[in-house]
Amino acid sequence: MRPNSTRIFVAGLIVALGVGAVLRMLWPVADPPAHAPVGIVWHDEGAWVHNARNRALWNVWRTDEWNPMFISPVFTALEAAAFGLFGVGTWQARTVPMASGLASVLLLGFGLAAAAGRRAAVFGALLLATNYVFVMWNRAALMESTMTAFIVAGWAAYAAAMRKPAFGFLAGASVVLAWFTKAAAAFFVAAITLDAVLTMALASLPALRERLGVPAPDRQWVRAGRWTIAGMAVATGLAAVLFVLPHWSEYWFYNWQMSVTRKPEYTLKALLDRASWLPIVNDFFTRMWLLTVAGALGVIGAVARWRTVPPPRRLLAAWVLLGLLELIVHDSGNERRYVMFIPALAAFAALVLATDDEPILPRLDELDTATRALLIPLLLAFSYLVIGAIARLFFLYQIGPGVRLSAALAVAAAAVLVWRRHSAAEWLWRQKITPAAATAVVALVAAGDLAQYGQWVRHRTAFNHAASVQLGRVLPPGTLVHGKLANGLSLENQIKPVFVGRGFGNYEDRKVRDDVRYILTYVSPRIGYEGSVILDVLEAYPRRAVVMTFEVAEATTNYDRAALIDKFGDTPAPPIRTGRAHH
């Protein structure tokens, strides 16, 4: 049977979706991994579905001054639909990211089939379906999975548009949906816009083609670029008229003042710190090291062939490069910001493994001087990324020593590769990966991810779900409860959380809300672990008393406890049952 036969293609996608569905849907209310964590903060789930929950329970979007629907209207609308269909609850909230993850698997397969053939499609779908980090984020009711799904949809439609240009309209619209799911998709908006504009410019400006030494792009590519820009323009116009302009002050506050100006520093030192942290500060690249290596080879190969590489692969390289740049500019310390890379790394791995008729890298003598010069900093950067993902294990969670060791090894490796560039390039040019060897590599990577999933299964708990259920037995529906943790423990009951953020979300009146009798906060690993601003609320009510405690599971510690606190502990209060929430 031919490797690219329709039967194998369809069967491969069905297997990928079946395995992916099982991994995402088993034990749907279990806690995110604490034994092998991937950066998920469990109490953020309730906070980000806050407006959707309000709509489902009380038929209003706003109940307090925390309204993430202005950051993520698409995610909020999808969560509201899920709650409307299935009711409010933990597993119901997680259906949106679960569906998003499975959609990403299918869409990546279709995009790879259009860009590189069916074998690459099956490899990419299997790698993404079983990826441990991606699976775990797909099990958390947070925005990253849904934003990533729309990015994958945009890339897949752009790849299909190279043959049927009208798919470009879907690509442009998907990118806008990604933005309105989470504005961190800005890097991909820029990437697809630049690629489409470049393609159209090369078609209409012969002088530019001559100066760059590139051939005229295929007419289908040009038409695809036009359709993509049109799709972005129409979708952006509709979003502006229907959502942004009617809610401009809230949209501006949440998306710029709160998310951009309030958080990162933009000094040179801060930028250098964030760049050096990329492979060191968390386990992301370590957990998918083989995909990281494949991604590095894929990006370097695409840049080396930048004059002739087709738009889908060029966009895939821009996905990685501009995504890394966005992390350096905005925030490379938070693991949730890395989730968007997983489909791109899986796609590059599939391309490297499945393209047995094209060398991984071109011969060095095929490259001009400018391209060779461009590859040197790229080689150094990806050497640091690949080596740092392993070298960090010698100084686990010690950023400074990990950065220094990784930088020294990366410089040494890059120097050797530059010194031996002709023999190294010739060796890579000669490498051919047989279908059997490629299949074995995919199986090995998937087995490693399934082993990590097995670790989670063995240690899994459902403390957070149990605590939320217990809270609903203690407090009657509609009870106001202060604190971010109140949002986190709100999915299995009908309390009304009053979120308190630093400079936003009920911050101004946090010390005088006598109408809110109760507070929910961590007491272990420390009081106020979810954010120091809750300490202001606690200090404003010195007569407070702990009513009961709950065992919970935070992703970075092994033993955690939350407390329900009565602000007016020495005054009469409604009858309350005390006790512990058990799993």
Protein backbone atom coordinates (compact mmCIF):
# COMPACT_ATOMS: atom_id res chain seq x y z
CA MET A 1 0.00 0.00 0.00
CA ARG A 2 1.30 3.43 -0.90
CA PRO A 3 2.41 5.54 2.12
CA ASN A 4 0.25 8.45 0.96
CA SER A 5 -2.86 6.38 0.14
CA THR A 6 -6.28 7.69 1.04
CA ARG A 7 -6.98 4.68 3.26
CA ILE A 8 -3.89 5.27 5.44
CA PHE A 9 -4.58 9.00 5.52
CA VAL A 10 -8.16 8.59 6.73
CA ALA A 11 -7.26 5.79 9.14
CA GLY A 12 -4.35 7.80 10.56
CA LEU A 13 -6.54 10.85 11.22
CA ILE A 14 -9.24 8.67 12.82
CA VAL A 15 -6.65 7.04 15.11
CA ALA A 16 -5.19 10.45 16.03
CA LEU A 17 -8.64 11.86 16.84
CA GLY A 18 -9.66 8.73 18.74
CA VAL A 19 -6.53 8.63 20.89
CA GLY A 20 -6.68 12.41 21.35
CA ALA A 21 -10.31 12.25 22.47
CA VAL A 22 -9.60 9.54 25.05
CA LEU A 23 -6.61 11.41 26.51
CA ARG A 24 -8.59 14.64 26.80
CA MET A 25 -11.93 13.31 28.03
CA LEU A 26 -10.98 10.70 30.65
CA TRP A 27 -11.50 11.90 34.25
CA PRO A 28 -12.85 15.29 33.09
CA VAL A 29 -12.97 16.88 36.58
CA ALA A 30 -9.50 15.76 37.66
CA ASP A 31 -7.00 18.38 38.79
CA PRO A 32 -4.25 19.59 36.44
CA PRO A 33 -0.96 17.75 36.99
CA ALA A 34 0.94 18.57 40.17
CA HIS A 35 3.41 15.68 39.92
CA ALA A 36 4.57 16.55 36.39
CA PRO A 37 3.25 20.14 36.09
CA VAL A 38 2.87 22.04 32.84
CA GLY A 39 2.18 25.51 34.27
CA ILE A 40 -1.61 25.34 34.63
CA VAL A 41 -2.98 27.45 37.49
CA TRP A 42 -6.24 25.69 38.34
CA HIS A 43 -8.00 28.59 40.02
CA ASP A 44 -7.76 30.63 36.80
CA GLU A 45 -10.43 28.41 35.23
CA GLY A 46 -13.26 29.94 37.22
CA ALA A 47 -11.89 33.44 36.74
CA TRP A 48 -11.79 33.25 32.94
CA VAL A 49 -15.27 31.70 32.55
CA HIS A 50 -16.72 34.22 35.02
CA ASN A 51 -18.94 36.13 32.57
CA ALA A 52 -20.15 32.98 30.84
CA ARG A 53 -21.12 31.53 34.23
CA ASN A 54 -22.94 34.74 35.13
CA ARG A 55 -24.93 34.52 31.92
CA ALA A 56 -25.89 30.89 32.48
CA LEU A 57 -26.88 31.27 36.14
CA TRP A 58 -28.36 34.78 36.35
CA ASN A 59 -28.93 35.80 32.73
CA VAL A 60 -26.56 38.76 33.04
CA TRP A 61 -22.97 39.03 31.84
CA ARG A 62 -21.67 41.30 34.64
CA THR A 63 -22.04 40.84 38.37
CA ASP A 64 -18.91 42.70 39.54
CA GLU A 65 -16.00 44.66 38.08
CA TRP A 66 -14.07 41.65 36.76
CA ASN A 67 -15.19 41.09 33.17
CA PRO A 68 -12.75 39.05 31.07
CA MET A 69 -15.26 38.94 28.22
CA PHE A 70 -13.63 42.18 27.04
CA ILE A 71 -10.31 40.35 26.74
CA SER A 72 -11.73 37.16 25.28
CA PRO A 73 -15.21 37.60 23.79
CA VAL A 74 -14.94 34.51 21.55
CA PHE A 75 -13.89 32.22 24.41
CA THR A 76 -16.59 33.70 26.64
CA ALA A 77 -19.26 33.14 23.99
CA LEU A 78 -18.17 29.52 23.49
CA GLU A 79 -18.17 28.88 27.25
CA ALA A 80 -21.63 30.45 27.55
CA ALA A 81 -22.85 28.11 24.81
CA ALA A 82 -21.34 25.11 26.61
CA PHE A 83 -23.01 26.11 29.88
CA GLY A 84 -26.29 26.65 28.05
CA LEU A 85 -26.12 23.16 26.55
CA PHE A 86 -24.74 21.15 29.45
CA GLY A 87 -25.23 23.28 32.59
CA VAL A 88 -22.59 24.99 34.72
CA GLY A 89 -19.82 22.81 36.05
CA THR A 90 -16.17 21.87 35.81
CA TRP A 91 -16.38 19.31 33.03
CA GLN A 92 -18.82 21.49 31.14
CA ALA A 93 -16.36 24.41 31.20
CA ARG A 94 -13.62 22.10 29.93
CA THR A 95 -15.58 20.95 26.88
CA VAL A 96 -14.52 24.10 25.01
CA PRO A 97 -10.74 23.55 25.29
CA MET A 98 -11.19 19.81 24.75
CA ALA A 99 -13.05 20.45 21.50
CA SER A 100 -10.47 23.11 20.57
CA GLY A 101 -7.62 20.62 21.04
CA LEU A 102 -9.28 17.99 18.88
CA ALA A 103 -10.07 20.62 16.23
CA SER A 104 -6.37 21.56 16.23
CA VAL A 105 -5.41 17.93 15.59
CA LEU A 106 -7.78 17.62 12.64
CA LEU A 107 -6.97 21.04 11.18
CA LEU A 108 -3.22 20.51 11.44
CA GLY A 109 -3.67 17.23 9.56
CA PHE A 110 -5.60 18.93 6.76
CA GLY A 111 -3.12 21.80 6.58
CA LEU A 112 -0.15 19.44 6.35
CA ALA A 113 -1.93 17.37 3.71
CA ALA A 114 -2.34 20.50 1.59
CA ALA A 115 1.22 21.72 2.24
CA ALA A 116 3.28 18.52 2.17
CA GLY A 117 1.20 15.40 1.58
CA ARG A 118 -0.78 12.85 3.53
CA ARG A 119 2.10 11.15 5.31
CA ALA A 120 3.12 14.45 6.89
CA ALA A 121 -0.54 15.02 7.80
CA VAL A 122 -0.82 11.73 9.69
CA PHE A 123 2.51 12.24 11.46
CA GLY A 124 1.61 15.78 12.53
CA ALA A 125 -1.88 14.79 13.72
CA LEU A 126 -0.52 11.90 15.80
CA LEU A 127 2.22 14.03 17.35
CA LEU A 128 -0.23 16.77 18.31
CA ALA A 129 -2.94 14.38 19.52
CA THR A 130 -0.60 12.70 22.02
CA ASN A 131 1.55 15.66 23.08
CA TYR A 132 1.41 15.62 26.89
CA VAL A 133 1.63 19.38 27.43
CA PHE A 134 -0.99 20.10 24.77
CA VAL A 135 -3.32 17.42 26.15
CA MET A 136 -3.13 18.87 29.65
CA TRP A 137 -3.80 22.41 28.47
CA ASN A 138 -6.72 21.08 26.43
CA ARG A 139 -8.15 19.75 29.71
CA ALA A 140 -8.13 23.17 31.41
CA ALA A 141 -10.90 25.74 30.93
CA LEU A 142 -8.49 28.44 29.82
CA MET A 143 -8.15 30.45 26.61
CA GLU A 144 -4.87 29.12 25.25
CA SER A 145 -6.25 25.98 23.60
CA THR A 146 -9.02 27.86 21.81
CA MET A 147 -6.71 30.66 20.65
CA THR A 148 -4.27 28.05 19.35
CA ALA A 149 -7.06 26.20 17.52
CA PHE A 150 -7.94 29.35 15.58
CA ILE A 151 -4.26 29.89 14.76
CA VAL A 152 -4.05 26.34 13.42
CA ALA A 153 -7.26 26.95 11.46
CA GLY A 154 -5.71 30.09 9.97
CA TRP A 155 -2.54 28.26 8.95
CA ALA A 156 -4.41 25.25 7.55
CA ALA A 157 -6.76 27.42 5.50
CA TYR A 158 -3.78 29.45 4.22
CA ALA A 159 -2.10 26.20 3.13
CA ALA A 160 -5.30 25.07 1.38
CA ALA A 161 -5.59 28.50 -0.28
CA MET A 162 -2.43 27.81 -2.27
CA ARG A 163 -4.63 25.47 -4.35
CA LYS A 164 -8.06 27.01 -3.82
CA PRO A 165 -7.51 30.73 -3.09
CA ALA A 166 -10.97 31.30 -1.59
CA PHE A 167 -9.78 29.38 1.49
CA GLY A 168 -7.71 32.49 2.19
CA PHE A 169 -10.89 34.23 3.34
CA LEU A 170 -11.30 31.56 6.05
CA ALA A 171 -7.63 31.98 6.96
CA GLY A 172 -8.04 35.71 7.50
CA ALA A 173 -11.27 35.31 9.47
CA SER A 174 -9.71 32.58 11.67
CA VAL A 175 -6.81 34.84 12.54
CA VAL A 176 -9.20 37.56 13.72
CA LEU A 177 -11.08 35.00 15.82
CA ALA A 178 -7.74 33.98 17.36
CA TRP A 179 -7.08 37.63 18.29
CA PHE A 180 -10.51 38.00 19.91
CA THR A 181 -9.96 34.78 21.82
CA LYS A 182 -6.71 36.11 23.25
CA ALA A 183 -4.70 39.09 22.02
CA ALA A 184 -1.50 37.06 22.40
CA ALA A 185 -2.33 35.88 18.86
CA ALA A 186 -0.99 39.25 17.65
CA PHE A 187 2.23 37.59 16.49
CA PHE A 188 0.31 35.36 14.08
CA VAL A 189 -1.80 38.25 12.81
CA ALA A 190 1.47 39.97 11.94
CA ALA A 191 2.97 36.80 10.43
CA ILE A 192 0.14 36.00 8.04
CA THR A 193 -0.30 39.64 7.07
CA LEU A 194 3.41 40.03 6.26
CA ASP A 195 3.45 36.82 4.23
CA ALA A 196 0.36 37.73 2.21
CA VAL A 197 1.57 41.29 1.59
CA LEU A 198 5.06 40.06 0.62
CA THR A 199 3.58 37.61 -1.88
CA MET A 200 1.44 40.31 -3.48
CA ALA A 201 4.33 42.78 -3.53
CA LEU A 202 6.63 40.29 -5.25
CA ALA A 203 3.98 39.71 -7.91
CA SER A 204 3.45 43.38 -8.70
CA LEU A 205 6.97 44.79 -8.27
CA PRO A 206 9.51 43.31 -10.71
CA ALA A 207 12.19 45.64 -9.35
CA LEU A 208 11.73 44.16 -5.88
CA ARG A 209 12.01 40.63 -7.26
CA GLU A 210 15.19 41.55 -9.09
CA ARG A 211 16.70 43.21 -6.05
CA LEU A 212 15.93 40.20 -3.83
CA GLY A 213 16.75 37.65 -6.50
CA VAL A 214 13.48 35.76 -6.20
CA PRO A 215 11.16 34.37 -8.89
CA ALA A 216 7.67 35.68 -9.46
CA PRO A 217 5.22 33.95 -7.11
CA ASP A 218 2.61 31.60 -8.46
CA ARG A 219 -0.66 33.35 -9.39
CA GLN A 220 -2.58 31.06 -7.03
CA TRP A 221 -0.40 32.26 -4.16
CA VAL A 222 -1.14 35.88 -5.03
CA ARG A 223 -4.86 35.26 -5.16
CA ALA A 224 -4.66 33.42 -1.84
CA GLY A 225 -2.94 36.44 -0.30
CA ARG A 226 -5.68 38.76 -1.53
CA TRP A 227 -8.42 36.51 -0.18
CA THR A 228 -6.61 36.33 3.17
CA ILE A 229 -6.36 40.10 3.53
CA ALA A 230 -10.03 40.39 2.51
CA GLY A 231 -11.05 37.85 5.15
CA MET A 232 -9.12 39.72 7.82
CA ALA A 233 -10.61 43.05 6.75
CA VAL A 234 -14.22 41.82 6.78
CA ALA A 235 -13.86 39.97 10.10
CA THR A 236 -12.08 42.93 11.73
CA GLY A 237 -14.77 45.31 10.48
CA LEU A 238 -17.56 43.16 11.87
CA ALA A 239 -15.77 42.80 15.21
CA ALA A 240 -15.20 46.54 15.42
CA VAL A 241 -18.83 47.41 14.69
CA LEU A 242 -20.44 44.68 16.79
CA PHE A 243 -18.08 44.57 19.76
CA VAL A 244 -15.07 46.88 19.98
CA LEU A 245 -16.65 50.27 19.31
CA PRO A 246 -19.75 49.74 21.49
CA HIS A 247 -17.46 48.72 24.38
CA TRP A 248 -14.39 50.80 23.56
CA SER A 249 -13.45 51.97 27.06
CA GLU A 250 -13.64 48.46 28.53
CA TYR A 251 -11.89 46.92 25.53
CA TRP A 252 -9.05 49.45 25.73
CA PHE A 253 -8.65 49.01 29.46
CA TYR A 254 -8.54 45.22 29.50
CA ASN A 255 -6.47 44.72 26.34
CA TRP A 256 -3.97 47.55 26.69
CA GLN A 257 -3.85 49.18 30.09
CA MET A 258 -4.26 45.95 32.06
CA SER A 259 -2.60 43.40 29.77
CA VAL A 260 0.28 45.42 28.28
CA THR A 261 1.22 48.59 30.14
CA ARG A 262 0.56 47.18 33.62
CA LYS A 263 2.63 43.99 33.34
CA PRO A 264 5.98 43.81 31.50
CA GLU A 265 9.01 46.04 31.71
CA TYR A 266 10.56 47.08 28.40
CA THR A 267 14.08 47.97 29.49
CA LEU A 268 17.03 46.43 27.66
CA LYS A 269 17.83 44.31 30.72
CA ALA A 270 14.24 43.04 30.91
CA LEU A 271 14.29 42.10 27.22
CA LEU A 272 17.61 40.28 27.59
CA ASP A 273 16.33 38.48 30.68
CA ARG A 274 13.20 37.29 28.89
CA ALA A 275 15.24 36.15 25.88
CA SER A 276 17.65 34.17 28.06
CA TRP A 277 14.78 32.59 30.02
CA LEU A 278 13.10 30.99 26.98
CA PRO A 279 14.40 27.41 27.38
CA ILE A 280 15.34 27.71 31.08
CA VAL A 281 12.46 29.07 33.12
CA ASN A 282 10.06 26.16 32.63
CA ASP A 283 9.85 22.57 31.36
CA PHE A 284 8.15 23.36 28.05
CA PHE A 285 10.95 22.68 25.56
CA THR A 286 12.43 19.96 27.77
CA ARG A 287 9.23 17.93 27.69
CA MET A 288 9.14 18.04 23.88
CA TRP A 289 12.83 18.12 23.09
CA LEU A 290 12.67 16.08 19.87
CA LEU A 291 9.93 18.37 18.54
CA THR A 292 12.09 21.35 19.49
CA VAL A 293 15.02 19.93 17.51
CA ALA A 294 12.76 19.30 14.53
CA GLY A 295 11.34 22.80 14.81
CA ALA A 296 14.82 24.31 14.87
CA LEU A 297 15.82 22.34 11.75
CA GLY A 298 12.56 23.30 10.06
CA VAL A 299 12.93 27.03 10.72
CA ILE A 300 16.59 27.06 9.67
CA GLY A 301 15.74 25.11 6.51
CA ALA A 302 12.89 27.49 5.64
CA VAL A 303 15.09 30.56 6.15
CA ALA A 304 17.91 28.99 4.12
CA ARG A 305 15.45 28.48 1.24
CA TRP A 306 13.53 31.71 1.81
CA ARG A 307 13.62 32.66 -1.87
CA THR A 308 11.80 29.51 -3.03
CA VAL A 309 10.05 28.07 0.02
CA PRO A 310 6.24 27.96 -0.46
CA PRO A 311 4.07 30.30 1.63
CA PRO A 312 2.69 27.65 4.08
CA ARG A 313 6.17 26.64 5.20
CA ARG A 314 7.32 30.25 5.22
CA LEU A 315 4.36 31.13 7.45
CA LEU A 316 5.17 28.19 9.72
CA ALA A 317 8.69 29.59 10.23
CA ALA A 318 7.26 33.05 10.91
CA TRP A 319 4.88 31.44 13.43
CA VAL A 320 7.86 30.25 15.48
CA LEU A 321 10.15 33.26 14.99
CA LEU A 322 7.58 35.99 15.63
CA GLY A 323 6.07 33.97 18.46
CA LEU A 324 9.45 33.83 20.20
CA LEU A 325 9.89 37.55 19.60
CA GLU A 326 6.50 38.23 21.20
CA LEU A 327 7.54 36.25 24.29
CA ILE A 328 10.75 38.25 24.57
CA VAL A 329 8.84 41.52 24.30
CA HIS A 330 5.95 40.62 26.57
CA ASP A 331 6.47 37.65 28.91
CA SER A 332 8.56 34.49 28.64
CA GLY A 333 8.14 33.45 32.28
CA ASN A 334 4.58 32.16 32.05
CA GLU A 335 4.24 28.69 30.55
CA ARG A 336 0.76 29.37 29.21
CA ARG A 337 2.28 31.65 26.58
CA TYR A 338 4.22 28.75 25.04
CA VAL A 339 1.20 26.57 24.24
CA MET A 340 0.78 28.29 20.86
CA PHE A 341 4.09 26.77 19.65
CA ILE A 342 3.08 23.11 20.02
CA PRO A 343 1.20 22.70 16.69
CA ALA A 344 4.00 24.50 14.83
CA LEU A 345 6.64 22.22 16.36
CA ALA A 346 4.52 19.15 15.55
CA ALA A 347 4.10 20.39 11.97
CA PHE A 348 7.84 20.95 11.52
CA ALA A 349 8.58 17.52 12.96
CA ALA A 350 6.12 15.99 10.50
CA LEU A 351 7.68 17.91 7.60
CA VAL A 352 11.22 16.85 8.55
CA LEU A 353 10.19 13.21 8.98
CA ALA A 354 7.87 12.87 6.01
CA THR A 355 9.72 14.76 3.28
CA ASP A 356 12.09 12.03 2.18
CA ASP A 357 12.60 13.51 -1.30
CA GLU A 358 14.03 16.84 -0.06
CA PRO A 359 17.19 17.29 2.04
CA ILE A 360 16.72 18.70 5.53
CA LEU A 361 19.00 21.63 4.65
CA PRO A 362 20.37 22.78 1.29
CA ARG A 363 24.03 22.55 0.37
CA LEU A 364 26.09 25.47 1.65
CA ASP A 365 27.36 26.33 -1.82
CA GLU A 366 23.75 26.88 -2.92
CA LEU A 367 23.40 29.79 -0.52
CA ASP A 368 24.45 33.37 -1.17
CA THR A 369 26.53 35.40 1.27
CA ALA A 370 23.55 37.29 2.72
CA THR A 371 21.67 34.09 3.51
CA ARG A 372 24.74 32.53 5.14
CA ALA A 373 25.15 35.63 7.32
CA LEU A 374 21.47 35.47 8.28
CA LEU A 375 21.79 31.85 9.34
CA ILE A 376 24.60 32.48 11.85
CA PRO A 377 22.53 34.35 14.52
CA LEU A 378 19.67 31.94 13.83
CA LEU A 379 21.98 28.99 14.41
CA LEU A 380 23.21 30.51 17.67
CA ALA A 381 19.67 31.24 18.88
CA PHE A 382 18.35 27.77 18.17
CA SER A 383 21.48 26.13 19.56
CA TYR A 384 20.72 27.96 22.80
CA LEU A 385 17.08 26.84 22.69
CA VAL A 386 17.87 23.18 21.99
CA ILE A 387 20.85 22.92 24.36
CA GLY A 388 19.22 24.99 27.08
CA ALA A 389 16.22 22.67 27.21
CA ILE A 390 18.58 19.88 28.35
CA ALA A 391 21.33 21.82 30.16
CA ARG A 392 18.74 23.39 32.50
CA LEU A 393 18.29 19.97 34.11
CA PHE A 394 21.70 20.35 35.79
CA PHE A 395 20.40 23.44 37.65
CA LEU A 396 16.69 22.71 37.75
CA TYR A 397 14.69 25.89 38.39
CA GLN A 398 17.88 27.90 39.02
CA ILE A 399 17.71 30.39 36.19
CA GLY A 400 21.12 32.09 36.46
CA PRO A 401 23.34 28.97 36.41
CA GLY A 402 21.14 27.38 33.74
CA VAL A 403 21.44 30.43 31.50
CA ARG A 404 25.22 30.63 31.86
CA LEU A 405 25.81 26.93 31.20
CA SER A 406 23.40 26.86 28.24
CA ALA A 407 24.86 30.01 26.71
CA ALA A 408 28.43 28.68 26.97
CA LEU A 409 27.48 25.35 25.39
CA ALA A 410 25.43 27.04 22.66
CA VAL A 411 28.28 29.39 21.70
CA ALA A 412 30.69 26.44 21.60
CA ALA A 413 28.32 24.33 19.51
CA ALA A 414 27.58 27.17 17.08
CA ALA A 415 31.30 27.91 16.75
CA VAL A 416 32.04 24.28 15.90
CA LEU A 417 29.21 24.19 13.36
CA VAL A 418 30.44 27.40 11.71
CA TRP A 419 34.02 26.09 11.69
CA ARG A 420 32.92 22.75 10.21
CA ARG A 421 30.10 24.28 8.22
CA HIS A 422 30.86 22.58 4.89
CA SER A 423 31.07 19.06 6.26
CA ALA A 424 28.10 19.62 8.61
CA ALA A 425 25.93 21.02 5.82
CA GLU A 426 26.99 18.22 3.47
CA TRP A 427 26.14 15.61 6.11
CA LEU A 428 22.69 17.11 6.68
CA TRP A 429 22.11 17.37 2.94
CA ARG A 430 22.81 13.65 2.55
CA GLN A 431 20.40 12.55 5.29
CA LYS A 432 17.29 10.77 4.08
CA ILE A 433 14.69 9.50 6.52
CA THR A 434 12.91 6.37 5.36
CA PRO A 435 9.18 5.99 6.01
CA ALA A 436 9.89 3.15 8.45
CA ALA A 437 12.42 5.21 10.42
CA ALA A 438 10.08 8.21 10.44
CA THR A 439 7.21 6.08 11.74
CA ALA A 440 9.49 4.73 14.48
CA VAL A 441 10.44 8.27 15.55
CA VAL A 442 6.77 9.33 15.71
CA ALA A 443 5.98 6.22 17.79
CA LEU A 444 8.91 6.99 20.13
CA VAL A 445 7.81 10.59 20.69
CA ALA A 446 4.20 9.53 21.25
CA ALA A 447 5.31 6.82 23.70
CA GLY A 448 7.25 9.39 25.72
CA ASP A 449 4.19 11.63 25.90
CA LEU A 450 1.94 8.73 26.87
CA ALA A 451 4.41 7.82 29.65
CA GLN A 452 4.08 11.34 31.06
CA TYR A 453 0.30 11.03 30.81
CA GLY A 454 0.58 7.75 32.72
CA GLN A 455 2.41 9.59 35.50
CA TRP A 456 -0.47 12.01 35.76
CA VAL A 457 -3.02 9.17 35.82
CA ARG A 458 -1.17 7.47 38.66
CA HIS A 459 -1.03 10.63 40.80
CA ARG A 460 -4.26 12.33 39.71
CA THR A 461 -6.64 13.90 42.25
CA ALA A 462 -9.94 15.77 42.13
CA PHE A 463 -9.51 17.95 45.21
CA ASN A 464 -10.59 21.20 43.53
CA HIS A 465 -13.84 19.73 42.24
CA ALA A 466 -14.60 18.22 45.67
CA ALA A 467 -13.85 21.53 47.41
CA SER A 468 -16.18 23.41 45.06
CA VAL A 469 -18.98 20.89 45.70
CA GLN A 470 -18.46 21.18 49.47
CA LEU A 471 -18.55 24.96 49.29
CA GLY A 472 -21.95 24.74 47.60
CA ARG A 473 -23.24 22.68 50.52
CA VAL A 474 -22.08 25.32 53.00
CA LEU A 475 -23.03 28.60 51.33
CA PRO A 476 -26.47 29.23 49.83
CA PRO A 477 -26.85 30.33 46.18
CA GLY A 478 -26.06 33.97 45.57
CA THR A 479 -23.67 34.34 48.53
CA LEU A 480 -21.02 36.98 47.84
CA VAL A 481 -17.46 35.72 48.40
CA HIS A 482 -14.32 37.85 48.11
CA GLY A 483 -11.14 36.78 46.33
CA LYS A 484 -9.75 35.24 43.16
CA LEU A 485 -9.99 31.82 44.78
CA ALA A 486 -13.76 32.32 45.02
CA ASN A 487 -13.80 32.31 41.22
CA GLY A 488 -11.65 29.21 41.16
CA LEU A 489 -14.05 27.33 43.46
CA SER A 490 -17.27 28.56 41.86
CA LEU A 491 -17.91 26.01 39.10
CA GLU A 492 -19.76 23.43 41.22
CA ASN A 493 -21.96 25.85 43.19
CA GLN A 494 -23.86 29.12 42.85
CA ILE A 495 -21.86 31.56 44.97
CA LYS A 496 -21.19 35.01 43.54
CA PRO A 497 -17.41 35.61 43.44
CA VAL A 498 -16.06 39.13 43.87
CA PHE A 499 -12.69 39.08 42.13
CA VAL A 500 -9.89 41.36 43.37
CA GLY A 501 -6.97 42.10 41.06
CA ARG A 502 -3.99 44.43 41.41
CA GLY A 503 -5.35 47.73 40.12
CA PHE A 504 -8.42 46.19 38.44
CA GLY A 505 -11.39 43.95 39.18
CA ASN A 506 -13.00 45.35 42.36
CA TYR A 507 -9.68 46.72 43.58
CA GLU A 508 -10.76 50.22 44.63
CA ASP A 509 -13.37 49.17 47.20
CA ARG A 510 -11.69 45.98 48.37
CA LYS A 511 -11.32 47.20 51.98
CA VAL A 512 -14.89 48.45 52.47
CA ARG A 513 -17.06 45.69 51.01
CA ASP A 514 -18.95 44.90 54.19
CA ASP A 515 -21.72 43.42 52.04
CA VAL A 516 -19.32 40.59 51.15
CA ARG A 517 -19.16 38.54 54.34
CA TYR A 518 -16.79 35.77 53.21
CA ILE A 519 -13.28 35.45 51.79
CA LEU A 520 -11.69 32.49 50.06
CA THR A 521 -7.90 32.33 50.00
CA TYR A 522 -5.00 29.94 50.33
CA VAL A 523 -3.60 29.19 53.75
CA SER A 524 -1.07 26.68 52.40
CA PRO A 525 1.56 26.91 50.94
CA ARG A 526 1.02 30.42 52.34
CA ILE A 527 -1.74 32.92 53.00
CA GLY A 528 -2.51 34.87 49.85
CA TYR A 529 -0.62 32.49 47.56
CA GLU A 530 -2.96 33.36 44.67
CA GLY A 531 -1.86 37.02 44.80
CA SER A 532 -0.74 39.43 47.48
CA VAL A 533 -3.64 41.82 46.95
CA ILE A 534 -5.93 39.54 48.97
CA LEU A 535 -3.80 40.43 52.01
CA ASP A 536 -5.23 43.96 51.81
CA VAL A 537 -8.72 42.52 52.22
CA LEU A 538 -7.67 40.30 55.11
CA GLU A 539 -5.93 43.17 56.94
CA ALA A 540 -9.04 45.35 56.59
CA TYR A 541 -11.04 42.83 58.65
CA PRO A 542 -8.97 41.95 61.72
CA ARG A 543 -11.87 40.20 63.52
CA ARG A 544 -12.04 37.53 60.83
CA ALA A 545 -12.29 33.83 61.66
CA VAL A 546 -11.67 30.69 59.63
CA VAL A 547 -14.91 28.83 59.02
CA MET A 548 -13.53 25.75 57.30
CA THR A 549 -10.66 24.60 55.14
CA PHE A 550 -10.49 22.68 51.87
CA GLU A 551 -7.78 20.51 50.43
CA VAL A 552 -6.96 21.78 46.94
CA ALA A 553 -4.33 21.02 44.29
CA GLU A 554 -2.22 23.83 42.88
CA ALA A 555 -0.06 22.85 39.89
CA THR A 556 3.29 23.68 41.48
CA THR A 557 3.02 22.23 44.98
CA ASN A 558 2.14 18.90 46.54
CA TYR A 559 0.01 19.91 49.54
CA ASP A 560 -2.31 22.91 49.36
CA ARG A 561 -5.20 24.16 51.42
CA ALA A 562 -7.77 26.91 50.96
CA ALA A 563 -9.84 28.51 53.71
CA LEU A 564 -13.32 29.99 53.85
CA ILE A 565 -13.04 33.00 56.16
CA ASP A 566 -15.80 34.99 57.85
CA LYS A 567 -14.81 38.68 57.89
CA PHE A 568 -16.90 39.28 61.01
CA GLY A 569 -15.92 36.27 63.03
CA ASP A 570 -17.03 37.70 66.40
CA THR A 571 -20.52 38.76 65.30
CA PRO A 572 -23.61 36.64 64.67
CA ALA A 573 -23.55 34.93 61.29
CA PRO A 574 -25.92 32.61 59.43
CA PRO A 575 -25.63 28.95 60.46
CA ILE A 576 -22.72 27.28 58.69
CA ARG A 577 -21.70 23.65 58.53
CA THR A 578 -18.00 23.25 59.05
CA GLY A 579 -15.77 20.46 58.02
CA ARG A 580 -13.28 19.38 55.38
CA ALA A 581 -13.77 18.66 51.72
CA HIS A 582 -12.43 15.21 50.90
CA HIS A 583 -11.62 13.64 47.58
